[in-house]
Amino acid sequence: MSMGSDFSAPEWKTLDVALRHPCWVVKFVDVDSGSISGASLTQERVSEISRLLDFAETDSEVRGVIFMGGVSPDFCTGMNLGEAGDMTSENTGGRDFFSLLQQMQASSKALIACVQGKVTGGGVGWVAAMDHVLASPQATFTLTEALFGLAPVNIYPFLIQRMGMPAAKSMALTARTVTAEEAYTKGLVDQLESDPNLALRKLVPRIGALSEVAIAENKKFLNQFWSVAPSVGEIAGNTLSQLLVRPETQERLRRFSEAQSDSA
């Protein structure tokens, strides 16, 4: 895939992908309306992000992939709770999502999140797996899993790499909202800017000045010694599957779904 490829092609159903040389800029698309909206990591969206990263590996001119929010005030709400509550054979216990986070760490490209808005649930882990997190002071981060009878088992390893175990455990066991400033002091956010769009315009040329090989080798070296073992994903998937089938969890997910429907 070359830098001149047509990113508006219908191959992307849940993503809006544009070129900001030498990076790709990715936003979430609301599949129903076609507008740039929707903030959950549906199974289809996780699959498309994975495929996008595979495409990036084929283009030597691409230095980085930038993930930004869409029209939704939320940057990312993590896994789709409607899908999570649907205990069918297609429910993988979040294993595909865990694999995506591993793929992000192994990617030879610089992966950047530009966060303006709320990040909740698995979205916190998705941000934690990025190489560089740029955020506005309005950004917030909340691990909501315990409110639904769940645990952030798929994202714990990546969040602990970022913040350390005490901070990650505190977020999970209190479900409290962490401000952008606190996230910055604890390592979840790398760059806190009042005007993140301006900061991003300055950052992109710097990414472009880097050697393709240097980016890849930096990440490859780190991944050899500090990557998350695949066995962790299997254990996490089994744990999440067991939690999802509990009647209490199903009831909490049902009440949340009904509340969302009533407020729509």
C-alpha atoms as a PDB file:
ATOM      1  CA  MET A   1       0.000   0.000   0.000  1.00  0.00           C
ATOM      2  CA  SER A   2       1.514   3.314  -1.025  1.00  0.00           C
ATOM      3  CA  MET A   3       1.179   6.780   0.436  1.00  0.00           C
ATOM      4  CA  GLY A   4      -1.009   7.703  -2.520  1.00  0.00           C
ATOM      5  CA  SER A   5      -3.630   5.063  -1.747  1.00  0.00           C
ATOM      6  CA  ASP A   6      -7.293   6.094  -1.640  1.00  0.00           C
ATOM      7  CA  PHE A   7      -8.158   6.009   2.062  1.00  0.00           C
ATOM      8  CA  SER A   8     -11.792   6.867   1.325  1.00  0.00           C
ATOM      9  CA  ALA A   9     -12.308   3.473  -0.290  1.00  0.00           C
ATOM     10  CA  PRO A  10     -15.191   1.478   1.241  1.00  0.00           C
ATOM     11  CA  GLU A  11     -12.796  -1.058   2.746  1.00  0.00           C
ATOM     12  CA  TRP A  12     -13.039   0.929   6.005  1.00  0.00           C
ATOM     13  CA  LYS A  13     -16.485   0.648   7.567  1.00  0.00           C
ATOM     14  CA  THR A  14     -15.788   1.844  11.096  1.00  0.00           C
ATOM     15  CA  LEU A  15     -12.760   4.086  10.525  1.00  0.00           C
ATOM     16  CA  ASP A  16     -12.078   7.347   8.758  1.00  0.00           C
ATOM     17  CA  VAL A  17      -8.446   7.336   7.576  1.00  0.00           C
ATOM     18  CA  ALA A  18      -6.677  10.382   6.145  1.00  0.00           C
ATOM     19  CA  LEU A  19      -3.099  11.195   5.184  1.00  0.00           C
ATOM     20  CA  ARG A  20      -1.051  13.771   7.052  1.00  0.00           C
ATOM     21  CA  HIS A  21       2.372  13.044   5.595  1.00  0.00           C
ATOM     22  CA  PRO A  22       4.166  11.031   6.881  1.00  0.00           C
ATOM     23  CA  CYS A  23       1.413   9.753   9.185  1.00  0.00           C
ATOM     24  CA  TRP A  24      -2.070   8.330   8.858  1.00  0.00           C
ATOM     25  CA  VAL A  25      -4.777  10.031  10.921  1.00  0.00           C
ATOM     26  CA  VAL A  26      -7.553   7.730  12.112  1.00  0.00           C
ATOM     27  CA  LYS A  27     -10.971   8.637  13.518  1.00  0.00           C
ATOM     28  CA  PHE A  28     -13.913   6.452  14.478  1.00  0.00           C
ATOM     29  CA  VAL A  29     -16.915   6.438  12.157  1.00  0.00           C
ATOM     30  CA  ASP A  30     -20.524   5.875  13.196  1.00  0.00           C
ATOM     31  CA  VAL A  31     -21.507   3.036  10.868  1.00  0.00           C
ATOM     32  CA  ASP A  32     -25.209   3.876  11.011  1.00  0.00           C
ATOM     33  CA  SER A  33     -24.980   7.506   9.947  1.00  0.00           C
ATOM     34  CA  GLY A  34     -21.602   7.584   8.263  1.00  0.00           C
ATOM     35  CA  SER A  35     -20.554  10.529  10.407  1.00  0.00           C
ATOM     36  CA  ILE A  36     -17.351  10.551  12.419  1.00  0.00           C
ATOM     37  CA  SER A  37     -18.823   9.466  15.737  1.00  0.00           C
ATOM     38  CA  GLY A  38     -19.149   6.512  18.049  1.00  0.00           C
ATOM     39  CA  ALA A  39     -16.469   5.746  20.573  1.00  0.00           C
ATOM     40  CA  SER A  40     -16.678   2.042  21.408  1.00  0.00           C
ATOM     41  CA  LEU A  41     -14.272  -0.667  20.306  1.00  0.00           C
ATOM     42  CA  THR A  42     -16.713  -3.034  18.655  1.00  0.00           C
ATOM     43  CA  GLN A  43     -15.450  -6.379  17.419  1.00  0.00           C
ATOM     44  CA  GLU A  44     -15.622  -5.081  13.848  1.00  0.00           C
ATOM     45  CA  ARG A  45     -13.679  -1.949  14.749  1.00  0.00           C
ATOM     46  CA  VAL A  46     -10.988  -3.917  16.571  1.00  0.00           C
ATOM     47  CA  SER A  47     -10.636  -6.082  13.467  1.00  0.00           C
ATOM     48  CA  GLU A  48     -10.339  -3.035  11.198  1.00  0.00           C
ATOM     49  CA  ILE A  49      -7.726  -1.345  13.402  1.00  0.00           C
ATOM     50  CA  SER A  50      -5.713  -4.564  13.289  1.00  0.00           C
ATOM     51  CA  ARG A  51      -6.018  -4.667   9.502  1.00  0.00           C
ATOM     52  CA  LEU A  52      -5.016  -1.004   9.277  1.00  0.00           C
ATOM     53  CA  LEU A  53      -1.844  -1.703  11.246  1.00  0.00           C
ATOM     54  CA  ASP A  54      -1.076  -4.601   8.906  1.00  0.00           C
ATOM     55  CA  PHE A  55      -1.425  -2.232   5.939  1.00  0.00           C
ATOM     56  CA  ALA A  56       0.881   0.276   7.614  1.00  0.00           C
ATOM     57  CA  GLU A  57       3.603  -2.363   7.784  1.00  0.00           C
ATOM     58  CA  THR A  58       3.593  -2.574   3.964  1.00  0.00           C
ATOM     59  CA  ASP A  59       4.324   1.136   3.467  1.00  0.00           C
ATOM     60  CA  SER A  60       7.924   2.177   4.130  1.00  0.00           C
ATOM     61  CA  GLU A  61       7.013   5.886   3.927  1.00  0.00           C
ATOM     62  CA  VAL A  62       4.589   5.755   6.821  1.00  0.00           C
ATOM     63  CA  ARG A  63       6.276   6.762  10.071  1.00  0.00           C
ATOM     64  CA  GLY A  64       3.293   6.877  12.382  1.00  0.00           C
ATOM     65  CA  VAL A  65      -0.442   6.332  12.885  1.00  0.00           C
ATOM     66  CA  ILE A  66      -2.357   8.970  14.829  1.00  0.00           C
ATOM     67  CA  PHE A  67      -5.642   8.049  16.517  1.00  0.00           C
ATOM     68  CA  MET A  68      -8.028  10.914  17.235  1.00  0.00           C
ATOM     69  CA  GLY A  69     -11.569  11.146  18.533  1.00  0.00           C
ATOM     70  CA  GLY A  70     -14.552  11.845  16.312  1.00  0.00           C
ATOM     71  CA  VAL A  71     -17.641  13.974  16.857  1.00  0.00           C
ATOM     72  CA  SER A  72     -18.489  12.005  20.007  1.00  0.00           C
ATOM     73  CA  PRO A  73     -17.395  13.796  23.204  1.00  0.00           C
ATOM     74  CA  ASP A  74     -15.836  10.511  24.292  1.00  0.00           C
ATOM     75  CA  PHE A  75     -12.436   9.597  22.853  1.00  0.00           C
ATOM     76  CA  CYS A  76     -12.879   5.866  23.450  1.00  0.00           C
ATOM     77  CA  THR A  77     -15.280   3.894  25.655  1.00  0.00           C
ATOM     78  CA  GLY A  78     -13.583   0.536  25.271  1.00  0.00           C
ATOM     79  CA  MET A  79     -15.363  -2.661  24.359  1.00  0.00           C
ATOM     80  CA  ASN A  80     -18.976  -2.477  23.259  1.00  0.00           C
ATOM     81  CA  LEU A  81     -20.992  -3.568  26.303  1.00  0.00           C
ATOM     82  CA  GLY A  82     -23.866  -4.763  24.148  1.00  0.00           C
ATOM     83  CA  GLU A  83     -21.527  -7.212  22.430  1.00  0.00           C
ATOM     84  CA  ALA A  84     -19.934  -8.118  25.754  1.00  0.00           C
ATOM     85  CA  GLY A  85     -23.313  -9.090  27.188  1.00  0.00           C
ATOM     86  CA  ASP A  86     -24.170 -11.244  24.169  1.00  0.00           C
ATOM     87  CA  MET A  87     -22.838 -14.602  25.309  1.00  0.00           C
ATOM     88  CA  THR A  88     -22.752 -16.359  21.947  1.00  0.00           C
ATOM     89  CA  SER A  89     -20.096 -18.465  20.280  1.00  0.00           C
ATOM     90  CA  GLU A  90     -18.745 -15.272  18.688  1.00  0.00           C
ATOM     91  CA  ASN A  91     -17.914 -13.772  22.086  1.00  0.00           C
ATOM     92  CA  THR A  92     -14.164 -14.218  22.530  1.00  0.00           C
ATOM     93  CA  GLY A  93     -13.781 -12.853  26.039  1.00  0.00           C
ATOM     94  CA  GLY A  94     -11.818  -9.933  24.664  1.00  0.00           C
ATOM     95  CA  ARG A  95      -9.036 -12.087  23.198  1.00  0.00           C
ATOM     96  CA  ASP A  96      -9.118 -10.192  19.885  1.00  0.00           C
ATOM     97  CA  PHE A  97      -8.746  -6.919  21.756  1.00  0.00           C
ATOM     98  CA  PHE A  98      -5.794  -8.279  23.737  1.00  0.00           C
ATOM     99  CA  SER A  99      -4.182  -9.409  20.478  1.00  0.00           C
ATOM    100  CA  LEU A 100      -4.662  -5.905  19.065  1.00  0.00           C
ATOM    101  CA  LEU A 101      -2.837  -4.367  22.031  1.00  0.00           C
ATOM    102  CA  GLN A 102       0.024  -6.800  21.474  1.00  0.00           C
ATOM    103  CA  GLN A 103       0.051  -5.948  17.784  1.00  0.00           C
ATOM    104  CA  MET A 104       0.310  -2.255  18.651  1.00  0.00           C
ATOM    105  CA  GLN A 105       3.380  -2.875  20.772  1.00  0.00           C
ATOM    106  CA  ALA A 106       4.995  -4.954  18.020  1.00  0.00           C
ATOM    107  CA  SER A 107       4.157  -2.482  15.229  1.00  0.00           C
ATOM    108  CA  SER A 108       7.153  -0.894  13.503  1.00  0.00           C
ATOM    109  CA  LYS A 109       5.289   2.434  13.329  1.00  0.00           C
ATOM    110  CA  ALA A 110       4.989   5.149  15.967  1.00  0.00           C
ATOM    111  CA  LEU A 111       1.432   4.961  17.317  1.00  0.00           C
ATOM    112  CA  ILE A 112       0.106   8.205  18.741  1.00  0.00           C
ATOM    113  CA  ALA A 113      -3.128   9.019  20.569  1.00  0.00           C
ATOM    114  CA  CYS A 114      -4.439  12.588  20.560  1.00  0.00           C
ATOM    115  CA  VAL A 115      -6.955  12.532  23.410  1.00  0.00           C
ATOM    116  CA  GLN A 116      -9.591  15.194  23.860  1.00  0.00           C
ATOM    117  CA  GLY A 117     -12.509  13.906  25.907  1.00  0.00           C
ATOM    118  CA  LYS A 118     -13.396  10.910  28.038  1.00  0.00           C
ATOM    119  CA  VAL A 119     -11.569   7.597  27.940  1.00  0.00           C
ATOM    120  CA  THR A 120     -13.313   4.762  29.772  1.00  0.00           C
ATOM    121  CA  GLY A 121     -13.035   1.011  30.267  1.00  0.00           C
ATOM    122  CA  GLY A 122     -10.913  -0.787  27.706  1.00  0.00           C
ATOM    123  CA  GLY A 123     -10.229   2.542  26.040  1.00  0.00           C
ATOM    124  CA  VAL A 124      -7.778   3.247  28.861  1.00  0.00           C
ATOM    125  CA  GLY A 125      -5.843   0.114  27.909  1.00  0.00           C
ATOM    126  CA  TRP A 126      -5.982   1.035  24.234  1.00  0.00           C
ATOM    127  CA  VAL A 127      -4.409   4.399  25.057  1.00  0.00           C
ATOM    128  CA  ALA A 128      -1.846   2.731  27.329  1.00  0.00           C
ATOM    129  CA  ALA A 129      -0.634   0.563  24.421  1.00  0.00           C
ATOM    130  CA  MET A 130       0.209   3.649  22.346  1.00  0.00           C
ATOM    131  CA  ASP A 131       3.797   4.816  21.920  1.00  0.00           C
ATOM    132  CA  HIS A 132       2.977   8.460  22.622  1.00  0.00           C
ATOM    133  CA  VAL A 133      -0.127   9.926  24.268  1.00  0.00           C
ATOM    134  CA  LEU A 134      -0.915  13.580  23.703  1.00  0.00           C
ATOM    135  CA  ALA A 135      -3.847  14.947  25.700  1.00  0.00           C
ATOM    136  CA  SER A 136      -5.739  18.130  26.419  1.00  0.00           C
ATOM    137  CA  PRO A 137      -6.465  19.220  30.025  1.00  0.00           C
ATOM    138  CA  GLN A 138     -10.102  18.239  29.440  1.00  0.00           C
ATOM    139  CA  ALA A 139      -9.248  14.564  28.871  1.00  0.00           C
ATOM    140  CA  THR A 140     -10.264  12.121  31.599  1.00  0.00           C
ATOM    141  CA  PHE A 141      -9.599   8.423  32.198  1.00  0.00           C
ATOM    142  CA  THR A 142     -11.848   5.977  34.077  1.00  0.00           C
ATOM    143  CA  LEU A 143     -11.727   2.213  34.508  1.00  0.00           C
ATOM    144  CA  THR A 144     -15.410   1.306  34.737  1.00  0.00           C
ATOM    145  CA  GLU A 145     -15.206  -2.498  34.595  1.00  0.00           C
ATOM    146  CA  ALA A 146     -15.858  -3.124  38.309  1.00  0.00           C
ATOM    147  CA  LEU A 147     -19.145  -1.216  38.041  1.00  0.00           C
ATOM    148  CA  PHE A 148     -20.383  -3.997  35.750  1.00  0.00           C
ATOM    149  CA  GLY A 149     -18.990  -6.883  37.779  1.00  0.00           C
ATOM    150  CA  LEU A 150     -15.924  -7.181  35.555  1.00  0.00           C
ATOM    151  CA  ALA A 151     -12.166  -6.659  35.888  1.00  0.00           C
ATOM    152  CA  PRO A 152      -9.813  -4.960  33.371  1.00  0.00           C
ATOM    153  CA  VAL A 153      -7.835  -8.173  32.913  1.00  0.00           C
ATOM    154  CA  ASN A 154      -7.094  -7.604  29.226  1.00  0.00           C
ATOM    155  CA  ILE A 155      -5.608  -4.178  29.789  1.00  0.00           C
ATOM    156  CA  TYR A 156      -3.895  -4.594  33.159  1.00  0.00           C
ATOM    157  CA  PRO A 157      -0.527  -5.691  31.657  1.00  0.00           C
ATOM    158  CA  PHE A 158      -0.346  -2.685  29.326  1.00  0.00           C
ATOM    159  CA  LEU A 159      -1.583  -0.231  31.934  1.00  0.00           C
ATOM    160  CA  ILE A 160       0.916  -1.531  34.492  1.00  0.00           C
ATOM    161  CA  GLN A 161       3.711  -1.021  31.969  1.00  0.00           C
ATOM    162  CA  ARG A 162       2.616   2.600  31.718  1.00  0.00           C
ATOM    163  CA  MET A 163       1.706   3.542  35.289  1.00  0.00           C
ATOM    164  CA  GLY A 164       2.970   0.788  37.563  1.00  0.00           C
ATOM    165  CA  MET A 165       0.837  -1.654  39.528  1.00  0.00           C
ATOM    166  CA  PRO A 166      -0.284   0.608  42.428  1.00  0.00           C
ATOM    167  CA  ALA A 167      -1.739   3.273  40.132  1.00  0.00           C
ATOM    168  CA  ALA A 168      -3.384   0.745  37.810  1.00  0.00           C
ATOM    169  CA  LYS A 169      -4.889  -1.183  40.723  1.00  0.00           C
ATOM    170  CA  SER A 170      -6.154   2.012  42.331  1.00  0.00           C
ATOM    171  CA  MET A 171      -7.916   3.053  39.133  1.00  0.00           C
ATOM    172  CA  ALA A 172      -9.552  -0.368  38.783  1.00  0.00           C
ATOM    173  CA  LEU A 173     -10.674  -0.801  42.384  1.00  0.00           C
ATOM    174  CA  THR A 174     -12.102   2.709  42.814  1.00  0.00           C
ATOM    175  CA  ALA A 175     -13.471   3.319  39.304  1.00  0.00           C
ATOM    176  CA  ARG A 176     -12.702   6.977  39.951  1.00  0.00           C
ATOM    177  CA  THR A 177     -12.057   9.444  37.167  1.00  0.00           C
ATOM    178  CA  VAL A 178      -8.421  10.437  36.677  1.00  0.00           C
ATOM    179  CA  THR A 179      -7.779  13.890  35.278  1.00  0.00           C
ATOM    180  CA  ALA A 180      -5.394  14.536  32.413  1.00  0.00           C
ATOM    181  CA  GLU A 181      -2.964  16.234  34.798  1.00  0.00           C
ATOM    182  CA  GLU A 182      -2.901  13.236  37.141  1.00  0.00           C
ATOM    183  CA  ALA A 183      -2.579  10.856  34.194  1.00  0.00           C
ATOM    184  CA  TYR A 184       0.394  12.921  33.024  1.00  0.00           C
ATOM    185  CA  THR A 185       2.139  12.767  36.406  1.00  0.00           C
ATOM    186  CA  LYS A 186       1.623   8.976  36.560  1.00  0.00           C
ATOM    187  CA  GLY A 187       2.840   8.231  33.034  1.00  0.00           C
ATOM    188  CA  LEU A 188      -0.402   7.382  31.229  1.00  0.00           C
ATOM    189  CA  VAL A 189      -0.139  10.676  29.297  1.00  0.00           C
ATOM    190  CA  ASP A 190       3.208  11.692  27.778  1.00  0.00           C
ATOM    191  CA  GLN A 191       2.402  15.214  26.631  1.00  0.00           C
ATOM    192  CA  LEU A 192      -0.207  17.544  28.142  1.00  0.00           C
ATOM    193  CA  GLU A 193      -1.089  20.495  25.906  1.00  0.00           C
ATOM    194  CA  SER A 194      -3.764  23.190  26.083  1.00  0.00           C
ATOM    195  CA  ASP A 195      -3.947  23.106  22.278  1.00  0.00           C
ATOM    196  CA  PRO A 196      -3.325  19.471  21.291  1.00  0.00           C
ATOM    197  CA  ASN A 197      -4.056  20.115  17.612  1.00  0.00           C
ATOM    198  CA  LEU A 198      -1.283  22.713  17.487  1.00  0.00           C
ATOM    199  CA  ALA A 199       1.036  20.374  19.385  1.00  0.00           C
ATOM    200  CA  LEU A 200       0.213  17.616  16.916  1.00  0.00           C
ATOM    201  CA  ARG A 201       1.077  19.844  13.955  1.00  0.00           C
ATOM    202  CA  LYS A 202       4.507  20.356  15.526  1.00  0.00           C
ATOM    203  CA  LEU A 203       4.941  16.693  16.380  1.00  0.00           C
ATOM    204  CA  VAL A 204       4.168  15.239  12.937  1.00  0.00           C
ATOM    205  CA  PRO A 205       7.218  16.806  11.195  1.00  0.00           C
ATOM    206  CA  ARG A 206       9.441  15.498  13.977  1.00  0.00           C
ATOM    207  CA  ILE A 207       8.086  11.994  13.444  1.00  0.00           C
ATOM    208  CA  GLY A 208       8.726  12.466   9.727  1.00  0.00           C
ATOM    209  CA  ALA A 209      12.353  13.383  10.393  1.00  0.00           C
ATOM    210  CA  LEU A 210      12.979  10.071  12.132  1.00  0.00           C
ATOM    211  CA  SER A 211      14.492   7.103  10.370  1.00  0.00           C
ATOM    212  CA  GLU A 212      12.025   4.340   9.493  1.00  0.00           C
ATOM    213  CA  VAL A 213      14.575   1.767  10.631  1.00  0.00           C
ATOM    214  CA  ALA A 214      15.245   3.623  13.891  1.00  0.00           C
ATOM    215  CA  ILE A 215      11.557   3.638  14.846  1.00  0.00           C
ATOM    216  CA  ALA A 216      11.200  -0.050  14.036  1.00  0.00           C
ATOM    217  CA  GLU A 217      14.390  -1.112  15.837  1.00  0.00           C
ATOM    218  CA  ASN A 218      13.566   0.918  18.950  1.00  0.00           C
ATOM    219  CA  LYS A 219      10.221  -0.825  19.263  1.00  0.00           C
ATOM    220  CA  LYS A 220      11.606  -4.223  18.303  1.00  0.00           C
ATOM    221  CA  PHE A 221      14.295  -4.066  20.995  1.00  0.00           C
ATOM    222  CA  LEU A 222      11.863  -3.018  23.715  1.00  0.00           C
ATOM    223  CA  ASN A 223       9.323  -5.623  22.647  1.00  0.00           C
ATOM    224  CA  GLN A 224      11.924  -8.389  22.926  1.00  0.00           C
ATOM    225  CA  PHE A 225      12.381  -7.772  26.646  1.00  0.00           C
ATOM    226  CA  TRP A 226       9.255  -6.006  27.914  1.00  0.00           C
ATOM    227  CA  SER A 227       6.403  -7.403  25.833  1.00  0.00           C
ATOM    228  CA  VAL A 228       3.303  -9.079  27.272  1.00  0.00           C
ATOM    229  CA  ALA A 229       3.373 -12.857  26.852  1.00  0.00           C
ATOM    230  CA  PRO A 230       0.568 -14.442  24.779  1.00  0.00           C
ATOM    231  CA  SER A 231      -0.234 -16.757  27.701  1.00  0.00           C
ATOM    232  CA  VAL A 232      -1.370 -13.713  29.661  1.00  0.00           C
ATOM    233  CA  GLY A 233      -3.997 -13.041  27.001  1.00  0.00           C
ATOM    234  CA  GLU A 234      -5.328 -16.591  27.254  1.00  0.00           C
ATOM    235  CA  ILE A 235      -5.664 -16.343  31.027  1.00  0.00           C
ATOM    236  CA  ALA A 236      -7.251 -12.896  30.749  1.00  0.00           C
ATOM    237  CA  GLY A 237      -9.721 -14.145  28.133  1.00  0.00           C
ATOM    238  CA  ASN A 238     -10.763 -17.079  30.289  1.00  0.00           C
ATOM    239  CA  THR A 239     -11.171 -14.832  33.327  1.00  0.00           C
ATOM    240  CA  LEU A 240     -13.269 -12.299  31.448  1.00  0.00           C
ATOM    241  CA  SER A 241     -15.460 -15.020  29.939  1.00  0.00           C
ATOM    242  CA  GLN A 242     -16.141 -16.416  33.412  1.00  0.00           C
ATOM    243  CA  LEU A 243     -17.045 -12.988  34.756  1.00  0.00           C
ATOM    244  CA  LEU A 244     -19.343 -12.239  31.820  1.00  0.00           C
ATOM    245  CA  VAL A 245     -21.561 -15.285  32.383  1.00  0.00           C
ATOM    246  CA  ARG A 246     -22.238 -14.454  36.034  1.00  0.00           C
ATOM    247  CA  PRO A 247     -25.924 -13.501  36.556  1.00  0.00           C
ATOM    248  CA  GLU A 248     -24.930 -10.366  38.473  1.00  0.00           C
ATOM    249  CA  THR A 249     -22.760  -9.172  35.589  1.00  0.00           C
ATOM    250  CA  GLN A 250     -25.475  -9.890  33.037  1.00  0.00           C
ATOM    251  CA  GLU A 251     -27.986  -7.975  35.144  1.00  0.00           C
ATOM    252  CA  ARG A 252     -25.677  -4.976  35.507  1.00  0.00           C
ATOM    253  CA  LEU A 253     -25.050  -4.954  31.755  1.00  0.00           C
ATOM    254  CA  ARG A 254     -28.782  -5.230  31.086  1.00  0.00           C
ATOM    255  CA  ARG A 255     -29.594  -2.278  33.372  1.00  0.00           C
ATOM    256  CA  PHE A 256     -26.883  -0.188  31.759  1.00  0.00           C
ATOM    257  CA  SER A 257     -28.179  -1.022  28.272  1.00  0.00           C
ATOM    258  CA  GLU A 258     -31.723  -0.069  29.259  1.00  0.00           C
ATOM    259  CA  ALA A 259     -30.549   3.196  30.800  1.00  0.00           C
ATOM    260  CA  GLN A 260     -28.677   4.041  27.606  1.00  0.00           C
ATOM    261  CA  SER A 261     -31.802   3.289  25.531  1.00  0.00           C
ATOM    262  CA  ASP A 262     -33.991   5.473  27.755  1.00  0.00           C
ATOM    263  CA  SER A 263     -31.602   8.420  27.497  1.00  0.00           C
ATOM    264  CA  ALA A 264     -31.306   8.168  23.698  1.00  0.00           C
END
